[in-house]
Amino acid sequence: MDKINGTIINENVAFADFKNHDGEVVSIAGYVHRIREMTGFAFIIIRTAKETIQCVYAPEFSDYRLDEKLCEEACVKVYGKVVSSKDAKGNDRYELQIHDIKILSLPAEQLPIVINKKQLDNIQLNTVLDLRPVSMRNPKERAIFKLQEGIARGFREFLMKNGFTEIRSPKINYAGAEGGTNVFKLDYFDKQVYLAQSPQLYKQALVGVFQRVFEIAPVFRAEHHDTSRHLNEYTSMDFEMGFINGFEDIMNMETGALKYIMNLLKTEYAEEVEILHADIPEITEIPAIKFMDAKKIIMEKFKYTPSDMKDFDPHEEELLGKYAKKEFNSDFIFITHYPSKKRPFYTMDDPADPEYTLSFDLLFRGLEITSGGQRIHDYHAQVEKMKKLGTNPEDFETYLMLHKYGAPPHGGLGIGLERLTMHLLGFKNVREATMFPRDINRVTP
């Protein structure tokens, strides 16, 4: 009987390690990205998980002869000699002189789109999304989601360095976290339940256990939006922290996390940043202004009349982004003290003026990417606010365990991963920054 001991053997060499194997015969594995046949030789570009590698075929390199079945998008294993040379700037460059190609599989059909260019040219977004398993093979499309990995990784690493515990909350819930009608209803063994709008209630419960918690997971909103900035399923990066002195502690934690994320992208994702021409912001500090002060700026400085004095429309967010850049040279701005009527039942009212809350949104280049704030931690105050807003406390009996049996001052936030990625890369549609978007029209692939 064979025994599996967990030994991991990776016989394939990454392109980054070619410099350590100069003159040696190594193997790589990937897709045939492009074949360029010349007189007496051929360039065969192999696409691996991270890069494209130039391989050169010529009869004098070995006894191997090109298989006539070899084609683009064939899965192959290539054996060859690493050869170095200098480019025009004197930098080392490496390629592989092919000794053998083992075909692992062949495509059954020709690709419906051309993916072996630097980017997908003149292809409509719906076509790109319909063909996601194929279109993401394009180097630029792939780079989007590698960079997105960096954002989530930076968020996780920073929080774990600061005493947070990663949690996993259920996505099938007895009641919605935010209230309202924008919840997906499920028939669950003859019971009506809901897809989670947010991990909010569970984050708060676990503050009583771990004090600082975070989660990166999907959330669901049954909103009939068909806009360039809304999805019905998206990835939320959430955290909640206990024993805070005020909601400013939450904004400071987010500012630190964003600094860490942007620095990580510049260093360990520099190749993706270059491919995508990503404009990574410099963050030293982020200005914060109150909601009503922001409204005054919009009306007086920009001569714009808001249609809603309890929230901001997209154009107002854009104006505030311009204001932050001009006045503070900042790509970000916190808007604090939102009206109580526009915030969920768990948001703490400002003791100095209960019409407003100890809450905030973070705008990035004129687009809201974060909502957060301090939560109510007193049991009686929470029950009273629920009743005031028409919410039945009996429907949230398990949620109120935290408050009933002692809760610390706490608060937190949620960041939309796809929306942050979209705006960081200057995209016009959040679907461009979503692997497999789910909206009111799309549930495939």
Protein backbone atom coordinates (compact mmCIF):
# COMPACT_ATOMS: atom_id res chain seq x y z
CA MET A 1 0.00 0.00 0.00
CA ASP A 2 1.27 3.47 -0.88
CA LYS A 3 1.55 5.93 1.97
CA ILE A 4 1.10 9.65 1.54
CA ASN A 5 3.34 11.65 3.88
CA GLY A 6 2.60 15.21 2.82
CA THR A 7 5.90 15.75 1.01
CA ILE A 8 5.35 18.41 -1.65
CA ILE A 9 7.58 18.13 -4.69
CA ASN A 10 7.43 20.94 -7.24
CA GLU A 11 9.70 19.95 -10.08
CA ASN A 12 8.72 22.95 -12.19
CA VAL A 13 10.86 26.07 -11.91
CA ALA A 14 9.32 29.52 -11.56
CA PHE A 15 10.57 32.18 -13.95
CA ALA A 16 11.78 34.26 -11.01
CA ASP A 17 14.21 31.43 -10.18
CA PHE A 18 15.70 31.16 -13.68
CA LYS A 19 18.68 33.22 -12.55
CA ASN A 20 19.58 30.42 -10.14
CA HIS A 21 19.45 27.80 -12.93
CA ASP A 22 21.33 29.58 -15.71
CA GLY A 23 22.70 26.94 -18.10
CA GLU A 24 20.68 24.14 -16.51
CA VAL A 25 17.87 22.07 -17.98
CA VAL A 26 14.61 22.68 -16.07
CA SER A 27 10.89 22.12 -16.57
CA ILE A 28 7.96 24.54 -16.59
CA ALA A 29 4.23 23.86 -16.95
CA GLY A 30 1.41 25.99 -18.29
CA TYR A 31 -0.62 26.94 -21.34
CA VAL A 32 0.71 27.68 -24.81
CA HIS A 33 -0.04 31.40 -24.88
CA ARG A 34 1.27 32.14 -28.37
CA ILE A 35 3.25 30.45 -31.15
CA ARG A 36 5.34 32.53 -33.54
CA GLU A 37 6.92 30.41 -36.25
CA MET A 38 9.96 31.88 -37.97
CA THR A 39 12.31 30.55 -40.63
CA GLY A 40 14.12 27.62 -39.04
CA PHE A 41 12.93 28.26 -35.46
CA ALA A 42 9.89 29.29 -33.42
CA PHE A 43 9.03 31.29 -30.31
CA ILE A 44 6.59 29.50 -28.03
CA ILE A 45 5.28 31.65 -25.21
CA ILE A 46 4.15 29.67 -22.18
CA ARG A 47 1.65 31.19 -19.72
CA THR A 48 2.06 30.00 -16.16
CA ALA A 49 0.03 30.96 -13.10
CA LYS A 50 1.89 34.26 -12.75
CA GLU A 51 3.85 35.14 -15.89
CA THR A 52 4.54 34.42 -19.54
CA ILE A 53 7.86 32.78 -20.40
CA GLN A 54 9.54 32.94 -23.78
CA CYS A 55 10.72 29.55 -25.02
CA VAL A 56 12.68 29.04 -28.24
CA TYR A 57 12.46 26.00 -30.46
CA ALA A 58 15.19 25.13 -32.98
CA PRO A 59 16.14 21.69 -34.34
CA GLU A 60 19.75 22.07 -33.19
CA PHE A 61 18.78 22.31 -29.50
CA SER A 62 17.77 18.62 -29.21
CA ASP A 63 16.27 15.65 -31.04
CA TYR A 64 12.75 16.94 -30.26
CA ARG A 65 10.63 18.07 -33.22
CA LEU A 66 7.51 20.20 -32.86
CA ASP A 67 4.33 18.18 -32.70
CA GLU A 68 1.93 19.35 -35.40
CA LYS A 69 -0.92 19.08 -32.85
CA LEU A 70 0.68 21.74 -30.63
CA CYS A 71 -1.56 24.81 -30.57
CA GLU A 72 -2.43 27.83 -28.48
CA GLU A 73 -4.16 26.99 -25.18
CA ALA A 74 -2.73 23.49 -25.14
CA CYS A 75 -1.65 22.47 -21.63
CA VAL A 76 2.00 21.45 -21.74
CA LYS A 77 5.09 20.66 -19.79
CA VAL A 78 8.23 22.10 -21.34
CA TYR A 79 11.78 20.91 -20.69
CA GLY A 80 14.62 23.15 -21.71
CA LYS A 81 17.89 24.90 -20.98
CA VAL A 82 17.83 28.28 -19.21
CA VAL A 83 19.79 30.80 -21.29
CA SER A 84 20.63 34.34 -20.19
CA SER A 85 21.44 37.45 -22.19
CA LYS A 86 21.37 41.23 -21.80
CA ASP A 87 18.59 43.53 -22.96
CA ALA A 88 19.13 47.01 -24.45
CA LYS A 89 19.40 48.51 -20.95
CA GLY A 90 21.95 45.96 -19.78
CA ASN A 91 19.50 44.02 -17.63
CA ASP A 92 19.56 40.24 -17.46
CA ARG A 93 16.88 38.47 -19.49
CA TYR A 94 16.17 34.76 -19.61
CA GLU A 95 14.51 32.36 -22.00
CA LEU A 96 14.22 28.59 -22.35
CA GLN A 97 15.81 26.64 -25.20
CA ILE A 98 13.30 23.83 -25.76
CA HIS A 99 14.54 20.24 -25.41
CA ASP A 100 11.11 18.61 -25.20
CA ILE A 101 7.40 19.45 -24.95
CA LYS A 102 4.95 17.04 -23.35
CA ILE A 103 1.34 17.78 -24.37
CA LEU A 104 -0.94 17.26 -21.36
CA SER A 105 -4.22 18.22 -23.06
CA LEU A 106 -5.49 19.91 -26.18
CA PRO A 107 -8.43 22.34 -26.51
CA ALA A 108 -11.51 20.83 -28.14
CA GLU A 109 -12.37 24.10 -29.88
CA GLN A 110 -10.72 27.37 -30.83
CA LEU A 111 -11.10 30.15 -28.26
CA PRO A 112 -14.10 32.43 -28.91
CA ILE A 113 -11.98 35.52 -28.14
CA VAL A 114 -8.33 36.45 -28.51
CA ILE A 115 -6.73 36.43 -25.06
CA ASN A 116 -3.01 36.37 -25.90
CA LYS A 117 -2.58 40.12 -26.16
CA LYS A 118 -1.71 42.45 -23.29
CA GLN A 119 -5.39 43.24 -22.84
CA LEU A 120 -8.75 42.32 -24.31
CA ASP A 121 -9.35 44.71 -27.21
CA ASN A 122 -12.76 45.97 -28.34
CA ILE A 123 -14.72 43.29 -26.53
CA GLN A 124 -17.95 44.30 -24.79
CA LEU A 125 -18.08 43.82 -21.02
CA ASN A 126 -21.02 41.40 -21.24
CA THR A 127 -19.00 39.18 -23.57
CA VAL A 128 -16.02 39.32 -21.21
CA LEU A 129 -18.28 38.30 -18.32
CA ASP A 130 -20.07 35.58 -20.28
CA LEU A 131 -16.68 34.04 -21.05
CA ARG A 132 -15.12 34.63 -17.62
CA PRO A 133 -13.35 31.23 -17.30
CA VAL A 134 -11.57 32.05 -20.57
CA SER A 135 -11.32 35.85 -20.50
CA MET A 136 -9.52 35.81 -17.13
CA ARG A 137 -6.65 33.98 -18.82
CA ASN A 138 -5.69 37.28 -20.42
CA PRO A 139 -2.67 38.74 -18.55
CA LYS A 140 -4.40 42.04 -17.73
CA GLU A 141 -7.65 40.40 -16.61
CA ARG A 142 -5.68 37.97 -14.48
CA ALA A 143 -3.69 40.83 -12.94
CA ILE A 144 -6.92 42.48 -11.71
CA PHE A 145 -7.71 39.58 -9.46
CA LYS A 146 -4.14 39.02 -8.38
CA LEU A 147 -4.11 42.65 -7.21
CA GLN A 148 -7.46 42.07 -5.52
CA GLU A 149 -5.87 39.19 -3.67
CA GLY A 150 -3.29 41.69 -2.40
CA ILE A 151 -6.01 43.98 -1.03
CA ALA A 152 -7.67 41.16 0.91
CA ARG A 153 -4.30 39.78 2.02
CA GLY A 154 -3.20 43.20 3.29
CA PHE A 155 -6.44 43.63 5.21
CA ARG A 156 -6.02 40.21 6.83
CA GLU A 157 -2.33 40.62 7.64
CA PHE A 158 -2.71 44.06 9.19
CA LEU A 159 -5.60 43.06 11.41
CA MET A 160 -3.92 39.87 12.60
CA LYS A 161 -0.84 41.92 13.48
CA ASN A 162 -3.16 44.06 15.61
CA GLY A 163 -4.79 41.35 17.68
CA PHE A 164 -7.81 40.46 15.52
CA THR A 165 -9.22 36.94 15.18
CA GLU A 166 -10.60 35.79 11.84
CA ILE A 167 -14.18 34.48 12.03
CA ARG A 168 -16.66 32.76 9.72
CA SER A 169 -20.27 33.76 10.21
CA PRO A 170 -23.29 31.94 8.70
CA LYS A 171 -24.82 33.19 5.48
CA ILE A 172 -28.27 31.68 6.15
CA ASN A 173 -29.91 33.71 8.90
CA TYR A 174 -33.17 33.83 10.78
CA ALA A 175 -33.42 37.63 10.38
CA GLY A 176 -31.73 40.36 8.36
CA ALA A 177 -29.01 42.44 9.99
CA GLU A 178 -29.85 45.77 8.41
CA GLY A 179 -33.62 45.54 8.45
CA GLY A 180 -35.73 46.73 5.54
CA THR A 181 -36.84 44.74 2.52
CA ASN A 182 -33.57 44.25 0.65
CA VAL A 183 -33.03 40.69 1.83
CA PHE A 184 -33.15 37.46 -0.17
CA LYS A 185 -35.76 35.10 1.26
CA LEU A 186 -35.20 31.35 1.23
CA ASP A 187 -37.53 28.41 1.74
CA TYR A 188 -35.52 26.53 4.35
CA PHE A 189 -37.21 23.27 5.38
CA ASP A 190 -40.61 24.99 5.54
CA LYS A 191 -39.17 27.99 7.36
CA GLN A 192 -38.53 31.43 5.94
CA VAL A 193 -34.93 32.51 6.36
CA TYR A 194 -32.68 35.06 4.71
CA LEU A 195 -29.30 35.33 3.03
CA ALA A 196 -26.96 37.45 5.12
CA GLN A 197 -26.86 41.16 4.30
CA SER A 198 -23.84 41.47 6.56
CA PRO A 199 -21.98 39.58 9.30
CA GLN A 200 -22.89 42.44 11.62
CA LEU A 201 -24.83 40.61 14.33
CA TYR A 202 -22.24 37.84 14.57
CA LYS A 203 -19.31 40.25 14.60
CA GLN A 204 -20.83 41.96 17.60
CA ALA A 205 -21.55 38.68 19.38
CA LEU A 206 -17.95 37.60 18.94
CA VAL A 207 -16.56 40.87 20.27
CA GLY A 208 -17.71 39.45 23.61
CA VAL A 209 -15.42 36.46 23.00
CA PHE A 210 -12.34 37.65 21.11
CA GLN A 211 -12.65 41.47 21.55
CA ARG A 212 -11.33 42.06 17.99
CA VAL A 213 -12.67 40.09 15.02
CA PHE A 214 -12.72 40.29 11.22
CA GLU A 215 -14.16 38.44 8.25
CA ILE A 216 -13.70 38.50 4.47
CA ALA A 217 -16.78 36.87 2.97
CA PRO A 218 -19.75 37.30 0.59
CA VAL A 219 -22.84 39.28 1.55
CA PHE A 220 -26.15 39.54 -0.26
CA ARG A 221 -28.41 42.52 -0.98
CA ALA A 222 -31.76 42.04 -2.75
CA GLU A 223 -31.70 45.53 -4.23
CA HIS A 224 -33.15 46.20 -7.66
CA HIS A 225 -30.19 48.34 -8.66
CA ASP A 226 -28.86 47.93 -12.18
CA THR A 227 -26.03 50.42 -11.91
CA SER A 228 -22.29 50.36 -12.51
CA ARG A 229 -21.55 50.41 -8.77
CA HIS A 230 -23.98 47.86 -7.32
CA LEU A 231 -23.93 44.05 -7.05
CA ASN A 232 -26.39 41.68 -5.39
CA GLU A 233 -23.54 39.56 -4.07
CA TYR A 234 -20.21 41.10 -3.18
CA THR A 235 -17.27 40.49 -0.89
CA SER A 236 -17.27 42.48 2.32
CA MET A 237 -14.15 43.02 4.40
CA ASP A 238 -15.50 43.54 7.91
CA PHE A 239 -14.01 44.10 11.32
CA GLU A 240 -15.36 44.79 14.78
CA MET A 241 -13.35 45.89 17.81
CA GLY A 242 -14.25 46.07 21.49
CA PHE A 243 -13.24 48.29 24.39
CA ILE A 244 -12.95 51.35 22.16
CA ASN A 245 -12.71 54.86 23.52
CA GLY A 246 -14.77 56.25 20.66
CA PHE A 247 -15.60 55.69 17.02
CA GLU A 248 -12.39 57.52 16.11
CA ASP A 249 -10.56 54.32 17.13
CA ILE A 250 -12.30 52.52 14.28
CA MET A 251 -11.34 55.19 11.74
CA ASN A 252 -7.74 55.05 12.93
CA MET A 253 -7.69 51.27 12.52
CA GLU A 254 -9.04 51.54 8.98
CA THR A 255 -6.51 54.23 8.10
CA GLY A 256 -3.72 51.95 9.32
CA ALA A 257 -5.12 49.03 7.35
CA LEU A 258 -5.33 51.08 4.14
CA LYS A 259 -1.75 52.29 4.58
CA TYR A 260 -0.62 48.68 4.97
CA ILE A 261 -2.63 47.49 1.96
CA MET A 262 -1.32 50.20 -0.37
CA ASN A 263 2.29 49.61 0.68
CA LEU A 264 1.85 45.87 0.11
CA LEU A 265 0.51 46.48 -3.39
CA LYS A 266 3.45 48.72 -4.26
CA THR A 267 6.02 46.19 -3.10
CA GLU A 268 4.76 42.63 -3.54
CA TYR A 269 2.29 43.31 -6.37
CA ALA A 270 4.44 45.75 -8.34
CA GLU A 271 4.13 43.67 -11.53
CA GLU A 272 0.32 43.79 -11.42
CA VAL A 273 0.39 47.49 -10.55
CA GLU A 274 2.48 48.11 -13.67
CA ILE A 275 0.34 45.94 -15.96
CA LEU A 276 -2.83 47.69 -14.78
CA HIS A 277 -1.31 51.18 -14.58
CA ALA A 278 -2.80 51.33 -11.10
CA ASP A 279 -2.63 54.69 -9.35
CA ILE A 280 -1.84 53.57 -5.80
CA PRO A 281 -2.56 56.41 -3.33
CA GLU A 282 -0.12 57.72 -0.77
CA ILE A 283 -1.73 57.79 2.68
CA THR A 284 -0.34 59.73 5.62
CA GLU A 285 -3.55 60.84 7.30
CA ILE A 286 -7.19 61.09 6.27
CA PRO A 287 -9.31 64.20 6.90
CA ALA A 288 -12.69 63.86 8.61
CA ILE A 289 -15.65 66.25 8.46
CA LYS A 290 -19.16 66.03 9.86
CA PHE A 291 -22.13 65.18 7.68
CA MET A 292 -23.85 68.58 7.92
CA ASP A 293 -20.56 70.43 7.36
CA ALA A 294 -20.12 68.36 4.21
CA LYS A 295 -23.60 69.36 3.06
CA LYS A 296 -22.74 73.03 3.58
CA ILE A 297 -19.57 72.63 1.52
CA ILE A 298 -21.57 71.04 -1.30
CA MET A 299 -24.15 73.84 -1.27
CA GLU A 300 -21.90 76.83 -0.66
CA LYS A 301 -18.65 75.89 -2.36
CA PHE A 302 -20.01 73.91 -5.29
CA LYS A 303 -23.42 75.65 -5.58
CA TYR A 304 -25.17 72.28 -5.73
CA THR A 305 -28.59 71.73 -4.19
CA PRO A 306 -28.92 68.26 -2.58
CA SER A 307 -32.10 66.31 -3.15
CA ASP A 308 -31.76 64.47 0.18
CA MET A 309 -30.51 66.03 3.41
CA LYS A 310 -30.17 62.63 5.11
CA ASP A 311 -27.69 61.06 2.69
CA PHE A 312 -25.42 61.82 -0.28
CA ASP A 313 -26.12 61.13 -3.92
CA PRO A 314 -23.28 59.97 -6.23
CA HIS A 315 -22.60 63.48 -7.51
CA GLU A 316 -22.25 64.82 -3.98
CA GLU A 317 -19.71 62.09 -3.23
CA GLU A 318 -17.77 63.14 -6.33
CA LEU A 319 -17.77 66.77 -5.17
CA LEU A 320 -16.52 65.77 -1.72
CA GLY A 321 -13.75 63.76 -3.37
CA LYS A 322 -12.66 66.84 -5.30
CA TYR A 323 -12.81 68.89 -2.12
CA ALA A 324 -10.61 66.42 -0.24
CA LYS A 325 -8.04 66.38 -3.02
CA LYS A 326 -7.88 70.14 -3.37
CA GLU A 327 -8.00 71.11 0.31
CA PHE A 328 -6.05 68.22 1.87
CA ASN A 329 -4.31 66.56 -1.08
CA SER A 330 -6.05 63.38 0.05
CA ASP A 331 -7.68 60.67 -2.04
CA PHE A 332 -9.78 59.78 1.01
CA ILE A 333 -12.14 61.63 3.31
CA PHE A 334 -14.21 60.45 6.29
CA ILE A 335 -17.74 61.82 6.60
CA THR A 336 -18.95 61.44 10.19
CA HIS A 337 -22.15 61.89 12.24
CA TYR A 338 -24.73 60.64 9.75
CA PRO A 339 -28.41 61.27 10.62
CA SER A 340 -29.89 58.67 12.95
CA LYS A 341 -32.79 57.99 10.57
CA LYS A 342 -30.39 56.73 7.88
CA ARG A 343 -28.41 54.32 10.05
CA PRO A 344 -29.25 50.78 11.28
CA PHE A 345 -30.79 50.08 14.69
CA TYR A 346 -27.48 49.07 16.26
CA THR A 347 -25.79 52.43 15.56
CA MET A 348 -25.11 54.57 18.63
CA ASP A 349 -26.65 58.04 18.64
CA ASP A 350 -24.44 60.99 19.44
CA PRO A 351 -25.08 61.89 23.12
CA ALA A 352 -24.52 65.55 22.23
CA ASP A 353 -27.22 65.44 19.53
CA PRO A 354 -29.31 62.24 19.22
CA GLU A 355 -30.50 63.30 15.76
CA TYR A 356 -27.08 62.21 14.54
CA THR A 357 -24.95 59.11 15.09
CA LEU A 358 -21.40 58.19 16.00
CA SER A 359 -20.95 56.74 12.53
CA PHE A 360 -19.01 57.44 9.36
CA ASP A 361 -18.51 56.63 5.71
CA LEU A 362 -15.16 56.67 3.96
CA LEU A 363 -15.05 58.14 0.46
CA PHE A 364 -12.22 57.18 -1.88
CA ARG A 365 -11.75 59.50 -4.85
CA GLY A 366 -15.39 60.48 -4.62
CA LEU A 367 -16.91 57.04 -4.08
CA GLU A 368 -18.16 55.53 -0.80
CA ILE A 369 -16.22 52.36 0.00
CA THR A 370 -16.85 52.00 3.75
CA SER A 371 -19.65 52.37 6.27
CA GLY A 372 -18.96 52.02 9.97
CA GLY A 373 -19.41 53.41 13.41
CA GLN A 374 -19.87 52.79 17.10
CA ARG A 375 -22.57 50.33 18.18
CA ILE A 376 -25.01 50.48 21.06
CA HIS A 377 -23.66 48.27 23.85
CA ASP A 378 -26.23 48.89 26.59
CA TYR A 379 -29.09 46.37 26.60
CA HIS A 380 -31.87 48.78 27.56
CA ALA A 381 -30.69 51.43 25.10
CA GLN A 382 -30.61 48.87 22.28
CA VAL A 383 -34.11 47.57 23.03
CA GLU A 384 -35.44 51.12 23.23
CA LYS A 385 -33.96 52.07 19.85
CA MET A 386 -35.30 48.91 18.23
CA LYS A 387 -38.79 49.76 19.41
CA LYS A 388 -38.39 53.37 18.31
CA LEU A 389 -37.52 52.22 14.77
CA GLY A 390 -40.36 49.66 14.66
CA THR A 391 -38.12 46.62 15.08
CA ASN A 392 -39.39 43.84 17.33
CA PRO A 393 -36.69 42.95 19.91
CA GLU A 394 -38.14 39.43 20.17
CA ASP A 395 -36.98 38.79 16.60
CA PHE A 396 -33.39 39.46 17.72
CA GLU A 397 -33.35 37.54 20.99
CA THR A 398 -30.06 35.75 20.27
CA TYR A 399 -28.43 38.98 19.06
CA LEU A 400 -29.40 40.70 22.30
CA MET A 401 -27.60 38.05 24.36
CA LEU A 402 -24.46 40.12 23.90
CA HIS A 403 -26.11 43.19 25.41
CA LYS A 404 -28.09 41.38 28.08
CA TYR A 405 -25.06 39.64 29.54
CA GLY A 406 -22.57 42.46 29.24
CA ALA A 407 -21.04 44.12 26.16
CA PRO A 408 -18.01 46.42 25.95
CA PRO A 409 -18.06 49.70 24.01
CA HIS A 410 -17.43 48.52 20.46
CA GLY A 411 -17.73 49.33 16.79
CA GLY A 412 -16.60 48.35 13.35
CA LEU A 413 -17.00 48.70 9.63
CA GLY A 414 -17.35 46.99 6.27
CA ILE A 415 -15.39 47.64 3.05
CA GLY A 416 -16.63 46.49 -0.35
CA LEU A 417 -13.70 44.63 -1.89
CA GLU A 418 -14.89 44.81 -5.49
CA ARG A 419 -15.84 48.47 -5.25
CA LEU A 420 -12.45 49.38 -3.76
CA THR A 421 -10.69 47.41 -6.52
CA MET A 422 -12.81 49.08 -9.19
CA HIS A 423 -12.00 52.59 -8.07
CA LEU A 424 -8.36 51.86 -7.39
CA LEU A 425 -7.98 50.73 -11.00
CA GLY A 426 -10.10 53.52 -12.46
CA PHE A 427 -12.77 51.19 -13.83
CA LYS A 428 -16.24 52.48 -14.64
CA ASN A 429 -18.11 49.32 -13.69
CA VAL A 430 -17.74 47.21 -10.55
CA ARG A 431 -18.32 44.07 -12.63
CA GLU A 432 -14.89 44.57 -14.19
CA ALA A 433 -13.45 43.99 -10.70
CA THR A 434 -15.66 40.97 -9.92
CA MET A 435 -14.66 37.44 -10.92
CA PHE A 436 -18.20 36.14 -11.42
CA PRO A 437 -20.69 39.00 -10.91
CA ARG A 438 -24.16 38.43 -9.51
CA ASP A 439 -26.66 41.19 -10.23
CA ILE A 440 -30.34 41.43 -11.15
CA ASN A 441 -29.57 40.11 -14.65
CA ARG A 442 -26.64 37.75 -14.19
CA VAL A 443 -26.36 34.43 -12.38
CA THR A 444 -23.97 32.71 -14.83
CA PRO A 445 -21.32 31.58 -15.42
